[in-house]
Every structure is written in C-alpha cells, then in structure tokens.
Amino acid sequence: MTNHVIVFENETSARHKCVLSGTLSRPESVYVFASGWYESSVVLVNEDWKISHRKVYLDNEEAIGVEPLASHMQRMIGWIMENGKAAL
C-alpha cells in the first residue's frame, strides 16, 4: 500500500485513499493478484482511528479467478470474505 491521502472532514472523521498492489511469490512464478486502490472512511473512537467503511477498486479483478493463481488465492479470499467486516 502506497500513496496514502487523508482528508479530514472534522476532528473525528476523515476520508482515506491508498494505492494497493499485492503479489504472491511461488517457486514457479510471481503473481500480481491485486492492483488498484481503496477508499476508506475512518472515525476516531476512544483516541484510536477505526475504519468504518472501505471499498476496494481492482484494476485486475479477473486475475484472481484464473488458474494457476485462483487455487493459490482460494484460502485467502475465503478468509477475507468471512472476516472483512468493520468493527468499531
């Protein structure tokens, strides 16, 4: 994750954007499984900044479903789908 941009809306909330790039190194190749950016809303809760909402935009979302990358990514995608909820 690079190029973080934060815009404060007030003292307790902000918007955040960030470029993302994810790679998976395997003995046979290095795969790019995520290329894009995300946008988040963050809020201040008990002196800690927490993500209240996040949306991910992928430039290459079709790559995740194509072999051989798909079989390598299955467990991680399952974990994200199960655990990717905002907690405040």
Protein backbone atom coordinates (compact mmCIF):
# COMPACT_ATOMS: atom_id res chain seq x y z
CA MET A 1 0.00 0.00 0.00
CA THR A 2 1.42 3.33 -1.05
CA ASN A 3 0.49 6.94 -1.71
CA HIS A 4 -1.80 7.45 1.25
CA VAL A 5 -4.03 10.52 1.01
CA ILE A 6 -6.04 11.58 4.05
CA VAL A 7 -8.65 14.34 4.02
CA PHE A 8 -10.01 15.31 7.42
CA GLU A 9 -13.71 16.13 7.40
CA ASN A 10 -13.63 17.26 11.04
CA GLU A 11 -11.79 16.35 14.26
CA THR A 12 -13.32 12.87 14.47
CA SER A 13 -13.74 11.68 10.87
CA ALA A 14 -11.67 11.51 7.71
CA ARG A 15 -11.55 10.01 4.24
CA HIS A 16 -8.56 7.94 3.16
CA LYS A 17 -7.35 6.72 -0.26
CA CYS A 18 -4.46 4.41 -0.94
CA VAL A 19 -2.91 2.61 -3.92
CA LEU A 20 -2.65 -1.13 -3.43
CA SER A 21 -0.62 -3.81 -5.10
CA GLY A 22 -0.47 -7.40 -3.97
CA THR A 23 1.88 -10.11 -5.18
CA LEU A 24 2.20 -13.79 -4.41
CA SER A 25 5.63 -15.36 -4.79
CA ARG A 26 5.63 -19.05 -5.64
CA PRO A 27 8.55 -21.19 -6.79
CA GLU A 28 7.27 -21.20 -10.36
CA SER A 29 6.33 -17.50 -10.68
CA VAL A 30 5.44 -14.21 -9.03
CA TYR A 31 1.75 -13.40 -9.46
CA VAL A 32 0.10 -9.97 -9.22
CA PHE A 33 -3.24 -10.69 -7.56
CA ALA A 34 -4.31 -7.16 -6.68
CA SER A 35 -3.74 -3.91 -8.47
CA GLY A 36 -5.90 -0.87 -7.79
CA TRP A 37 -6.83 1.37 -4.87
CA TYR A 38 -9.16 1.59 -1.95
CA GLU A 39 -11.16 4.34 -0.32
CA SER A 40 -11.95 4.31 3.38
CA SER A 41 -13.96 6.31 5.86
CA VAL A 42 -12.33 6.46 9.28
CA VAL A 43 -13.63 7.70 12.62
CA LEU A 44 -11.99 8.50 15.93
CA VAL A 45 -13.15 6.11 18.66
CA ASN A 46 -11.64 6.37 22.15
CA GLU A 47 -8.46 8.03 20.81
CA ASP A 48 -7.98 5.37 18.07
CA TRP A 49 -8.75 5.79 14.37
CA LYS A 50 -11.02 2.97 13.14
CA ILE A 51 -12.15 2.09 9.63
CA SER A 52 -15.92 2.49 9.43
CA HIS A 53 -16.26 1.72 5.72
CA ARG A 54 -13.90 0.59 2.96
CA LYS A 55 -14.40 -0.01 -0.74
CA VAL A 56 -11.76 -1.70 -2.89
CA TYR A 57 -11.36 -0.99 -6.60
CA LEU A 58 -9.33 -3.58 -8.53
CA ASP A 59 -7.89 -2.99 -11.98
CA ASN A 60 -7.28 -6.72 -12.45
CA GLU A 61 -10.08 -8.47 -10.55
CA GLU A 62 -10.35 -11.19 -13.22
CA ALA A 63 -6.80 -12.38 -12.41
CA ILE A 64 -7.90 -13.82 -9.06
CA GLY A 65 -10.25 -16.30 -10.73
CA VAL A 66 -7.81 -17.60 -13.36
CA GLU A 67 -5.54 -20.59 -12.80
CA PRO A 68 -2.94 -21.08 -11.54
CA LEU A 69 -3.44 -18.04 -9.29
CA ALA A 70 -7.03 -18.98 -8.35
CA SER A 71 -6.02 -22.16 -6.50
CA HIS A 72 -3.32 -20.30 -4.55
CA MET A 73 -5.72 -17.49 -3.55
CA GLN A 74 -8.75 -19.58 -2.52
CA ARG A 75 -7.97 -19.75 1.22
CA MET A 76 -7.09 -16.07 1.50
CA ILE A 77 -10.22 -14.94 -0.36
CA GLY A 78 -12.34 -17.15 1.90
CA TRP A 79 -10.77 -15.56 4.98
CA ILE A 80 -11.35 -12.04 3.62
CA MET A 81 -15.00 -12.80 2.85
CA GLU A 82 -15.54 -14.23 6.33
CA ASN A 83 -13.57 -11.66 8.33
CA GLY A 84 -13.73 -8.50 6.25
CA LYS A 85 -16.24 -6.63 8.37
CA ALA A 86 -15.82 -3.24 10.00
CA ALA A 87 -15.53 -3.33 13.76
CA LEU A 88 -15.97 -0.21 15.86
